[in-house]
Structures are given as C-alpha cells and as structure tokens.
Amino acid sequence: MKVISIVGDGKTVAALPVERLIKELSKQGTVGTIMQTHEEILAPGQKMDAGVEVSIAVTPTMSIDMARNTDLKKALERLSSEGIDFAVVEGFEQSDFPKMAVGDAEAKNVVAHISAGTGIDELVKIALAQPDYVTLQSLVAKIKRSPRAKEAGAIGTFTGMVREMANNERTTALEFESFDEVMKERIKIIEDDLKKREGILEVIIYHKTGRIEAGEDIVFIVILSGHRGELFPALKDAIERVKDEVPIWKKEFTVGGDFWVHDIQGRDMH
C-alpha cells in the first residue's frame, strides 16, 4: 500500500483537488482515506462513554466505526488489512510517512511542495513514487487474491521481530542494510523454489531494512498451501534460507553500545 499525506491549513488543503486525486488513483487500485480531526464524531459514538471499545454503525450501503486509543499507524493497518492499494492521509504533520506540503506548510518528511495549481497528473505521479507500506495483514490480503486461492486449504505466516531482552541485555533497536536489488533477487529465488514443492501454491517474503525499534516487526513470510502438512516445513525452510542466503547486514543497538552482528544467534526473532 502506498501512503501519501497532504498537509497544510484547512483552507489551502480544501482548495486542492483531493477528490480528483482519489478518483485517478482508484483507476489503478483501491483507495482509502484517513483524516486527522480534533472533533468528536457523535454517531456511532454515543455508546463510547459507556465503556465500549469499538462501535460500528451499519447501513445498507456503508458502515461507520469508532475505536478507542487509535493512531495513524493503527488506522493504516486497518486499511492494509482490507487490501487497500493507496492511502490518502490529510494531516498528521509529524508522522514519518511521506507528505505533500501545501505552500510553505512545515511538516516532517516532505517529499513535494504543491499548490492549488498543481496538476492532477503531478499529484498522481508523486503518490505513485512513494515506497510501499507493508504489513502482515496486507500480505495476507494479497495472497488471498492469488489466482490459486481456490485450491488452498491453509495460509501460514511467520513474523520475525526485534527481541528486546536477550542474555540479560536490553536491545533498543536493530538496523538492517542491504543492496536492495540483490536482496529482492535472492528472495525471489527462495519464493520460486518453495512454490515448486508439492502443495505450495504461493509464497510472499518481505524483509524490512533501516532502523527497527525493539518489539517491531522485521520480516514477514506468508505461504498459501493446499494442506497444513506441506505448510509448516515450508515456513521453517523459508526463514532459514532468508537468514542463510539473503545478503543483509545487521547492526544492534543496546543499552551498552552498538555493534555489527555476524551470525550471533538468539539476539532477535529473525
């Protein structure tokens, strides 16, 4: 899912052709929107004061839901679980996600400055240029759309995450570096090899790079199979091959210092 935020004051953002951008992006995939607001929406939230965690109103044509203690990341995870291809976000100036800033608006990670006169083709081009935001839910949604999904009886997933405590030492973060093209090439080889096995219908492997904080996800593996018997050995072999064959360098940050890790076992779940 590609994420692009639009930031600026209410009047300048309102002058932009956001709805046209959504219409153009919808020609290439599904679109979801997230809007930052400081106003409480009453319906269907009347029951929230009674202690409800999630409240959903359903009509014949749409549904509206409210949840407690959410943030931009959780909202994006909701969109990704629905298999959304593009997320257009209004607001959240201090998030890490890429932004189109209207005029001189200040925000974090601005990838383009735009105005009411910026053409729709340019806005679409900016949106398409953004990196994919990948979650486990988005990969599961993707593999369910596989042409071979009708043959499947099981989906298995593996999630590697940064282990915070190991050998009585606290890890604060890991940083991964790689040559992207080589990494993608090696991962594809592993995916293709696994798909040659009896009963394995589809395989998706995704490994993050950059800095990843303690408790956050590192790698996702999703496998579609005919039966559970073929599934679990394939999952195990997939992660072992990623560790052994994909050229990724890992730097560990601990409370005692930082260092590059070379085949040190037990430091993280990956």
Protein backbone atom coordinates (compact mmCIF):
# COMPACT_ATOMS: atom_id res chain seq x y z
CA MET A 1 0.00 0.00 0.00
CA LYS A 2 1.34 3.42 -0.96
CA VAL A 3 0.80 6.16 1.62
CA ILE A 4 0.84 9.89 0.87
CA SER A 5 -0.13 12.63 3.33
CA ILE A 6 -1.36 16.09 2.39
CA VAL A 7 -0.58 18.77 4.95
CA GLY A 8 -1.37 22.47 5.23
CA ASP A 9 -4.01 24.67 6.80
CA GLY A 10 -7.65 23.75 6.28
CA LYS A 11 -8.38 26.35 3.61
CA THR A 12 -5.38 25.57 1.40
CA VAL A 13 -5.92 21.82 1.58
CA ALA A 14 -9.61 22.31 0.80
CA ALA A 15 -8.61 24.12 -2.40
CA LEU A 16 -6.69 21.09 -3.65
CA PRO A 17 -8.33 18.56 -5.99
CA VAL A 18 -8.09 15.77 -3.40
CA GLU A 19 -11.25 14.07 -4.65
CA ARG A 20 -9.86 14.11 -8.20
CA LEU A 21 -6.63 12.58 -6.91
CA ILE A 22 -8.66 9.81 -5.27
CA LYS A 23 -10.63 9.22 -8.46
CA GLU A 24 -7.44 8.96 -10.52
CA LEU A 25 -5.76 6.60 -8.05
CA SER A 26 -8.91 4.46 -7.92
CA LYS A 27 -8.38 3.70 -11.62
CA GLN A 28 -5.18 1.88 -10.61
CA GLY A 29 -6.31 0.26 -7.36
CA THR A 30 -8.39 0.63 -4.24
CA VAL A 31 -8.14 3.83 -2.21
CA GLY A 32 -8.64 4.52 1.48
CA THR A 33 -8.56 7.88 3.26
CA ILE A 34 -7.64 8.96 6.77
CA MET A 35 -8.34 12.44 8.10
CA GLN A 36 -6.90 13.93 11.25
CA THR A 37 -9.56 15.76 13.23
CA HIS A 38 -9.80 17.10 16.75
CA GLU A 39 -13.59 16.97 16.76
CA GLU A 40 -15.52 14.14 18.37
CA ILE A 41 -17.90 12.45 15.95
CA LEU A 42 -21.07 11.58 17.81
CA ALA A 43 -22.56 8.80 15.69
CA PRO A 44 -21.97 5.92 16.18
CA GLY A 45 -20.02 7.01 19.26
CA GLN A 46 -22.90 7.58 21.67
CA LYS A 47 -22.08 4.33 23.47
CA MET A 48 -18.34 5.02 23.81
CA ASP A 49 -18.89 6.79 27.14
CA ALA A 50 -20.41 3.57 28.50
CA GLY A 51 -17.12 1.74 28.06
CA VAL A 52 -17.44 0.29 24.57
CA GLU A 53 -14.04 -0.26 22.88
CA VAL A 54 -15.37 -0.40 19.30
CA SER A 55 -18.70 0.90 17.99
CA ILE A 56 -19.89 0.21 14.43
CA ALA A 57 -22.96 1.54 12.64
CA VAL A 58 -24.05 -0.45 9.58
CA THR A 59 -26.37 0.83 6.83
CA PRO A 60 -27.43 -0.89 3.60
CA THR A 61 -24.65 0.93 1.69
CA MET A 62 -21.83 1.61 4.16
CA SER A 63 -20.56 1.30 7.72
CA ILE A 64 -19.01 3.77 10.15
CA ASP A 65 -16.86 2.61 13.03
CA MET A 66 -15.18 4.21 16.02
CA ALA A 67 -12.49 2.78 18.28
CA ARG A 68 -10.62 3.92 21.37
CA ASN A 69 -6.91 4.65 21.61
CA THR A 70 -6.12 4.57 17.91
CA ASP A 71 -3.45 6.44 15.97
CA LEU A 72 -2.29 6.86 12.37
CA LYS A 73 -0.35 3.59 12.34
CA LYS A 74 -3.33 1.60 13.58
CA ALA A 75 -5.58 3.32 11.05
CA LEU A 76 -3.17 2.41 8.25
CA GLU A 77 -3.05 -1.18 9.48
CA ARG A 78 -6.84 -1.24 9.22
CA LEU A 79 -6.66 -0.10 5.59
CA SER A 80 -3.91 -2.60 4.77
CA SER A 81 -5.95 -5.46 6.26
CA GLU A 82 -8.68 -4.55 3.78
CA GLY A 83 -6.23 -4.90 0.90
CA ILE A 84 -6.23 -1.16 0.11
CA ASP A 85 -3.66 -0.11 -2.52
CA PHE A 86 -3.45 3.66 -1.81
CA ALA A 87 -3.92 5.57 1.46
CA VAL A 88 -4.51 9.32 1.13
CA VAL A 89 -3.96 10.96 4.52
CA GLU A 90 -4.92 14.51 5.47
CA GLY A 91 -2.94 15.91 8.40
CA PHE A 92 -0.53 14.20 10.83
CA GLU A 93 2.30 16.67 10.09
CA GLN A 94 4.78 14.97 12.44
CA SER A 95 4.35 11.40 11.22
CA ASP A 96 7.21 9.63 9.42
CA PHE A 97 5.13 9.00 6.31
CA PRO A 98 5.80 10.95 3.07
CA LYS A 99 3.92 14.20 2.63
CA MET A 100 2.88 16.71 0.02
CA ALA A 101 3.02 20.11 1.73
CA VAL A 102 0.76 22.88 0.50
CA GLY A 103 2.75 26.10 0.05
CA ASP A 104 5.12 26.78 2.94
CA ALA A 105 3.49 24.37 5.36
CA GLU A 106 6.04 22.81 7.68
CA ALA A 107 5.99 19.08 8.31
CA LYS A 108 8.23 16.06 8.74
CA ASN A 109 9.38 14.08 5.67
CA VAL A 110 8.02 16.41 2.97
CA VAL A 111 8.63 14.87 -0.46
CA ALA A 112 6.99 17.64 -2.52
CA HIS A 113 5.68 21.18 -2.15
CA ILE A 114 2.45 21.73 -4.03
CA SER A 115 -0.19 24.40 -4.55
CA ALA A 116 -3.80 24.66 -5.66
CA GLY A 117 -2.45 25.00 -9.19
CA THR A 118 -0.50 21.72 -9.16
CA GLY A 119 -1.89 19.48 -11.90
CA ILE A 120 -3.65 16.24 -11.09
CA ASP A 121 -1.13 14.26 -13.17
CA GLU A 122 1.69 15.60 -11.00
CA LEU A 123 -0.17 14.68 -7.79
CA VAL A 124 -0.72 11.14 -9.07
CA LYS A 125 2.95 10.88 -10.08
CA ILE A 126 4.03 11.88 -6.57
CA ALA A 127 1.70 9.35 -4.98
CA LEU A 128 2.86 6.50 -7.23
CA ALA A 129 6.52 7.27 -6.49
CA GLN A 130 6.18 6.52 -2.77
CA PRO A 131 7.55 3.29 -1.26
CA ASP A 132 5.14 0.55 -0.30
CA TYR A 133 3.93 0.39 3.29
CA VAL A 134 3.79 -3.34 4.05
CA THR A 135 2.10 -5.10 6.95
CA LEU A 136 1.41 -8.75 7.62
CA GLN A 137 -2.28 -8.04 7.08
CA SER A 138 -1.64 -6.53 3.66
CA LEU A 139 0.36 -9.59 2.58
CA VAL A 140 -2.35 -11.97 3.79
CA ALA A 141 -4.94 -9.93 1.88
CA LYS A 142 -2.71 -10.06 -1.21
CA ILE A 143 -2.13 -13.80 -1.08
CA LYS A 144 -5.88 -14.39 -0.68
CA ARG A 145 -6.31 -12.69 -4.06
CA SER A 146 -3.93 -15.20 -5.69
CA PRO A 147 -5.34 -16.98 -8.77
CA ARG A 148 -4.69 -20.26 -6.94
CA ALA A 149 -6.52 -19.29 -3.74
CA LYS A 150 -9.44 -21.57 -4.66
CA GLU A 151 -7.09 -24.56 -4.34
CA ALA A 152 -5.92 -23.52 -0.86
CA GLY A 153 -6.82 -25.06 2.45
CA ALA A 154 -4.37 -23.13 4.61
CA ILE A 155 -2.44 -19.89 4.98
CA GLY A 156 0.59 -19.84 7.27
CA THR A 157 2.56 -16.82 8.41
CA PHE A 158 5.85 -16.15 10.14
CA THR A 159 6.72 -12.81 11.71
CA GLY A 160 10.25 -12.08 12.90
CA MET A 161 10.51 -9.24 15.40
CA VAL A 162 13.20 -7.42 17.35
CA ARG A 163 13.67 -9.20 20.66
CA GLU A 164 14.16 -6.64 23.41
CA MET A 165 15.79 -8.88 26.03
CA ALA A 166 18.49 -11.45 25.23
CA ASN A 167 21.21 -12.81 27.51
CA ASN A 168 20.28 -10.29 30.21
CA GLU A 169 20.97 -7.36 27.89
CA ARG A 170 18.36 -4.98 26.51
CA THR A 171 18.28 -4.29 22.79
CA THR A 172 16.78 -0.93 21.85
CA ALA A 173 16.82 -1.33 18.06
CA LEU A 174 18.29 -3.14 15.08
CA GLU A 175 19.39 -1.59 11.82
CA PHE A 176 19.45 -3.58 8.58
CA GLU A 177 21.35 -2.69 5.44
CA SER A 178 21.35 -4.43 2.06
CA PHE A 179 21.78 -3.97 -1.66
CA ASP A 180 18.08 -3.76 -2.50
CA GLU A 181 18.24 -5.31 -5.96
CA VAL A 182 20.36 -8.24 -4.77
CA MET A 183 18.11 -8.76 -1.74
CA LYS A 184 14.98 -8.80 -3.91
CA GLU A 185 16.62 -11.19 -6.38
CA ARG A 186 17.64 -13.68 -3.67
CA ILE A 187 14.22 -13.51 -2.02
CA LYS A 188 12.52 -14.21 -5.35
CA ILE A 189 14.73 -17.27 -5.85
CA ILE A 190 13.62 -18.60 -2.46
CA GLU A 191 9.96 -17.87 -3.21
CA ASP A 192 10.16 -19.60 -6.60
CA ASP A 193 11.94 -22.65 -5.17
CA LEU A 194 9.33 -23.08 -2.46
CA LYS A 195 6.49 -22.79 -4.99
CA LYS A 196 7.91 -25.82 -6.82
CA ARG A 197 7.06 -28.01 -3.84
CA GLU A 198 4.01 -30.20 -3.87
CA GLY A 199 1.04 -28.37 -2.39
CA ILE A 200 2.70 -24.94 -2.07
CA LEU A 201 0.59 -22.54 -4.11
CA GLU A 202 2.01 -19.08 -3.36
CA VAL A 203 4.81 -17.59 -1.26
CA ILE A 204 5.46 -13.97 -0.23
CA ILE A 205 8.58 -12.94 1.70
CA TYR A 206 9.16 -9.36 2.83
CA HIS A 207 12.17 -8.13 4.83
CA LYS A 208 12.41 -4.58 6.15
CA THR A 209 15.58 -2.51 6.07
CA GLY A 210 16.61 0.55 8.04
CA ARG A 211 16.23 1.08 11.77
CA ILE A 212 13.64 -1.07 13.55
CA GLU A 213 12.84 -0.47 17.20
CA ALA A 214 12.54 -3.15 19.90
CA GLY A 215 9.27 -5.03 19.61
CA GLU A 216 8.69 -4.04 15.98
CA ASP A 217 8.42 -6.46 13.06
CA ILE A 218 11.42 -7.31 10.85
CA VAL A 219 10.34 -9.95 8.36
CA PHE A 220 7.05 -11.42 7.13
CA ILE A 221 6.56 -14.77 5.38
CA VAL A 222 3.13 -15.76 4.08
CA ILE A 223 2.52 -19.12 2.41
CA LEU A 224 -0.61 -20.39 0.69
CA SER A 225 -0.88 -24.18 0.57
CA GLY A 226 -3.30 -26.94 -0.24
CA HIS A 227 -2.96 -28.64 3.16
CA ARG A 228 -1.36 -27.92 6.51
CA GLY A 229 1.07 -30.83 6.15
CA GLU A 230 3.03 -29.05 3.42
CA LEU A 231 2.74 -25.65 5.07
CA PHE A 232 4.82 -25.80 8.25
CA PRO A 233 8.02 -27.31 6.76
CA ALA A 234 7.90 -24.67 4.02
CA LEU A 235 7.61 -21.85 6.58
CA LYS A 236 10.59 -23.17 8.54
CA ASP A 237 12.71 -23.61 5.42
CA ALA A 238 11.77 -20.15 4.16
CA ILE A 239 13.08 -18.28 7.21
CA GLU A 240 16.22 -20.42 7.42
CA ARG A 241 17.01 -19.72 3.78
CA VAL A 242 16.41 -16.00 4.23
CA LYS A 243 18.91 -15.98 7.10
CA ASP A 244 21.46 -18.04 5.18
CA GLU A 245 21.15 -16.72 1.63
CA VAL A 246 19.92 -13.12 1.62
CA PRO A 247 22.74 -10.55 2.00
CA ILE A 248 21.51 -8.32 4.82
CA TRP A 249 23.81 -6.70 7.38
CA LYS A 250 22.55 -6.16 10.91
CA LYS A 251 23.65 -3.59 13.47
CA GLU A 252 22.46 -3.95 17.03
CA PHE A 253 21.84 -1.08 19.41
CA THR A 254 21.86 -1.98 23.12
CA VAL A 255 21.95 -0.01 26.35
CA GLY A 256 25.67 -0.86 26.49
CA GLY A 257 26.58 0.25 22.97
CA ASP A 258 26.11 -0.70 19.33
CA PHE A 259 27.86 -3.22 17.08
CA TRP A 260 27.51 -5.12 13.82
CA VAL A 261 26.17 -8.63 14.30
CA HIS A 262 27.75 -11.54 12.42
CA ASP A 263 25.87 -14.79 12.89
CA ILE A 264 25.21 -14.20 16.59
CA GLN A 265 22.31 -16.43 17.50
CA GLY A 266 19.50 -15.62 19.89
CA ARG A 267 19.64 -11.85 19.58
CA ASP A 268 16.29 -11.43 17.84
CA MET A 269 13.41 -13.48 16.48
CA HIS A 270 14.68 -13.20 12.88
